C-alpha atoms as a PDB file:
ATOM      1  CA  MET A   1     -32.287   4.345  -1.036  1.00  0.00           C
ATOM      2  CA  LYS A   2     -28.589   3.810  -1.701  1.00  0.00           C
ATOM      3  CA  ILE A   3     -27.243   0.247  -1.868  1.00  0.00           C
ATOM      4  CA  GLY A   4     -24.577  -0.505   0.680  1.00  0.00           C
ATOM      5  CA  TYR A   5     -21.693  -2.026  -1.211  1.00  0.00           C
ATOM      6  CA  GLN A   6     -19.712  -3.260   1.814  1.00  0.00           C
ATOM      7  CA  ASN A   7     -21.139  -6.793   1.841  1.00  0.00           C
ATOM      8  CA  LEU A   8     -20.992  -7.387  -1.944  1.00  0.00           C
ATOM      9  CA  HIS A   9     -18.271  -8.515  -4.308  1.00  0.00           C
ATOM     10  CA  PRO A  10     -15.217  -6.280  -3.609  1.00  0.00           C
ATOM     11  CA  TYR A  11     -15.267  -4.740  -7.090  1.00  0.00           C
ATOM     12  CA  VAL A  12     -18.899  -3.573  -6.984  1.00  0.00           C
ATOM     13  CA  GLY A  13     -19.150   0.220  -6.656  1.00  0.00           C
ATOM     14  CA  MET A  14     -17.812   3.331  -8.400  1.00  0.00           C
ATOM     15  CA  TRP A  15     -14.503   3.427 -10.341  1.00  0.00           C
ATOM     16  CA  VAL A  16     -13.239   6.792 -11.529  1.00  0.00           C
ATOM     17  CA  THR A  17     -10.342   8.148 -13.606  1.00  0.00           C
ATOM     18  CA  ALA A  18      -8.007  10.499 -11.714  1.00  0.00           C
ATOM     19  CA  ASP A  19      -9.592  13.536 -13.443  1.00  0.00           C
ATOM     20  CA  GLY A  20     -13.122  12.317 -12.712  1.00  0.00           C
ATOM     21  CA  TYR A  21     -14.080  12.445 -16.390  1.00  0.00           C
ATOM     22  CA  ILE A  22     -14.908   8.713 -16.716  1.00  0.00           C
ATOM     23  CA  ARG A  23     -16.931   6.985 -14.047  1.00  0.00           C
ATOM     24  CA  HIS A  24     -17.814   3.276 -14.118  1.00  0.00           C
ATOM     25  CA  GLU A  25     -20.420   2.137 -11.601  1.00  0.00           C
ATOM     26  CA  LEU A  26     -20.331  -1.629 -11.290  1.00  0.00           C
ATOM     27  CA  LEU A  27     -23.757  -2.558  -9.962  1.00  0.00           C
ATOM     28  CA  PRO A  28     -24.460  -5.621  -7.844  1.00  0.00           C
ATOM     29  CA  ASN A  29     -26.825  -7.111 -10.435  1.00  0.00           C
ATOM     30  CA  GLY A  30     -23.989  -7.576 -13.026  1.00  0.00           C
ATOM     31  CA  ARG A  31     -24.832  -4.315 -14.873  1.00  0.00           C
ATOM     32  CA  TYR A  32     -22.602  -1.292 -15.294  1.00  0.00           C
ATOM     33  CA  ASP A  33     -23.283   2.343 -16.035  1.00  0.00           C
ATOM     34  CA  GLU A  34     -20.500   4.535 -17.493  1.00  0.00           C
ATOM     35  CA  ALA A  35     -20.600   8.336 -17.367  1.00  0.00           C
ATOM     36  CA  ARG A  36     -18.317  10.512 -19.498  1.00  0.00           C
ATOM     37  CA  GLY A  37     -17.962  14.112 -18.476  1.00  0.00           C
ATOM     38  CA  HIS A  38     -21.405  15.593 -18.069  1.00  0.00           C
ATOM     39  CA  ARG A  39     -22.962  12.737 -20.040  1.00  0.00           C
ATOM     40  CA  LYS A  40     -24.552  10.398 -17.577  1.00  0.00           C
ATOM     41  CA  SER A  41     -25.232   6.817 -18.724  1.00  0.00           C
ATOM     42  CA  ALA A  42     -23.066   7.255 -21.827  1.00  0.00           C
ATOM     43  CA  TYR A  43     -22.663   3.506 -21.952  1.00  0.00           C
ATOM     44  CA  GLN A  44     -24.533   0.733 -20.175  1.00  0.00           C
ATOM     45  CA  GLY A  45     -24.359  -3.009 -20.266  1.00  0.00           C
ATOM     46  CA  ASN A  46     -23.404  -6.224 -18.452  1.00  0.00           C
ATOM     47  CA  TYR A  47     -20.163  -7.185 -16.854  1.00  0.00           C
ATOM     48  CA  THR A  48     -18.667 -10.398 -15.526  1.00  0.00           C
ATOM     49  CA  VAL A  49     -15.681 -10.761 -13.206  1.00  0.00           C
ATOM     50  CA  LYS A  50     -13.514 -13.840 -13.050  1.00  0.00           C
ATOM     51  CA  GLY A  51     -10.745 -13.454 -10.517  1.00  0.00           C
ATOM     52  CA  ASN A  52      -9.185 -10.057 -11.286  1.00  0.00           C
ATOM     53  CA  TYR A  53     -10.390  -9.951 -14.891  1.00  0.00           C
ATOM     54  CA  ILE A  54     -13.510  -8.042 -15.940  1.00  0.00           C
ATOM     55  CA  GLU A  55     -15.334  -8.320 -19.239  1.00  0.00           C
ATOM     56  CA  TYR A  56     -17.863  -5.732 -20.425  1.00  0.00           C
ATOM     57  CA  VAL A  57     -20.599  -6.184 -23.022  1.00  0.00           C
ATOM     58  CA  ASP A  58     -22.505  -2.949 -23.652  1.00  0.00           C
ATOM     59  CA  ASP A  59     -26.122  -2.910 -24.728  1.00  0.00           C
ATOM     60  CA  THR A  60     -25.107  -2.461 -28.326  1.00  0.00           C
ATOM     61  CA  GLY A  61     -22.956  -5.648 -28.268  1.00  0.00           C
ATOM     62  CA  PHE A  62     -19.556  -3.893 -28.034  1.00  0.00           C
ATOM     63  CA  THR A  63     -17.105  -5.767 -25.826  1.00  0.00           C
ATOM     64  CA  ALA A  64     -14.163  -4.613 -23.729  1.00  0.00           C
ATOM     65  CA  ASP A  65     -12.160  -5.960 -20.879  1.00  0.00           C
ATOM     66  CA  GLY A  66      -9.948  -4.930 -18.004  1.00  0.00           C
ATOM     67  CA  GLU A  67      -7.927  -6.084 -15.058  1.00  0.00           C
ATOM     68  CA  PHE A  68      -7.924  -5.131 -11.335  1.00  0.00           C
ATOM     69  CA  VAL A  69      -4.348  -4.881 -10.033  1.00  0.00           C
ATOM     70  CA  ASN A  70      -3.614  -3.765  -6.462  1.00  0.00           C
ATOM     71  CA  GLY A  71      -6.927  -1.941  -6.149  1.00  0.00           C
ATOM     72  CA  VAL A  72      -6.731  -0.207  -9.504  1.00  0.00           C
ATOM     73  CA  LEU A  73      -8.845  -1.001 -12.591  1.00  0.00           C
ATOM     74  CA  TYR A  74      -6.968  -0.951 -15.905  1.00  0.00           C
ATOM     75  CA  HIS A  75      -9.539  -0.816 -18.704  1.00  0.00           C
ATOM     76  CA  ALA A  76      -9.126   0.112 -22.396  1.00  0.00           C
ATOM     77  CA  GLY A  77      -6.082   2.305 -21.794  1.00  0.00           C
ATOM     78  CA  MET A  78      -7.688   3.982 -18.852  1.00  0.00           C
ATOM     79  CA  VAL A  79      -6.741   3.809 -15.136  1.00  0.00           C
ATOM     80  CA  LEU A  80      -9.694   3.940 -12.754  1.00  0.00           C
ATOM     81  CA  TYR A  81      -9.508   4.181  -8.959  1.00  0.00           C
ATOM     82  CA  ARG A  82     -12.124   3.079  -6.421  1.00  0.00           C
ATOM     83  CA  GLU A  83     -14.260   5.893  -5.214  1.00  0.00           C
ATOM     84  CA  ASP A  84     -15.137   5.383  -1.577  1.00  0.00           C
ATOM     85  CA  LYS A  85     -17.989   7.359  -0.121  1.00  0.00           C
END
């Protein structure tokens, strides 16, 4: 059963680079799952959002951050766009 994201925090859902190589799924439970190319779940961990700022802590303890600007996620030199299904 797929979770309907429409009634959740506006940033929950799938974020994808223009070429589709990197895919961040921000889950409603504060977890994320990042796929890279054909490698599903390349990175997983927790995230928190404060305003337009997002902080990631992967399961190994590595941290990263990003910012949402005008519906685009800027993260670690990458630009990710909301994928609407």
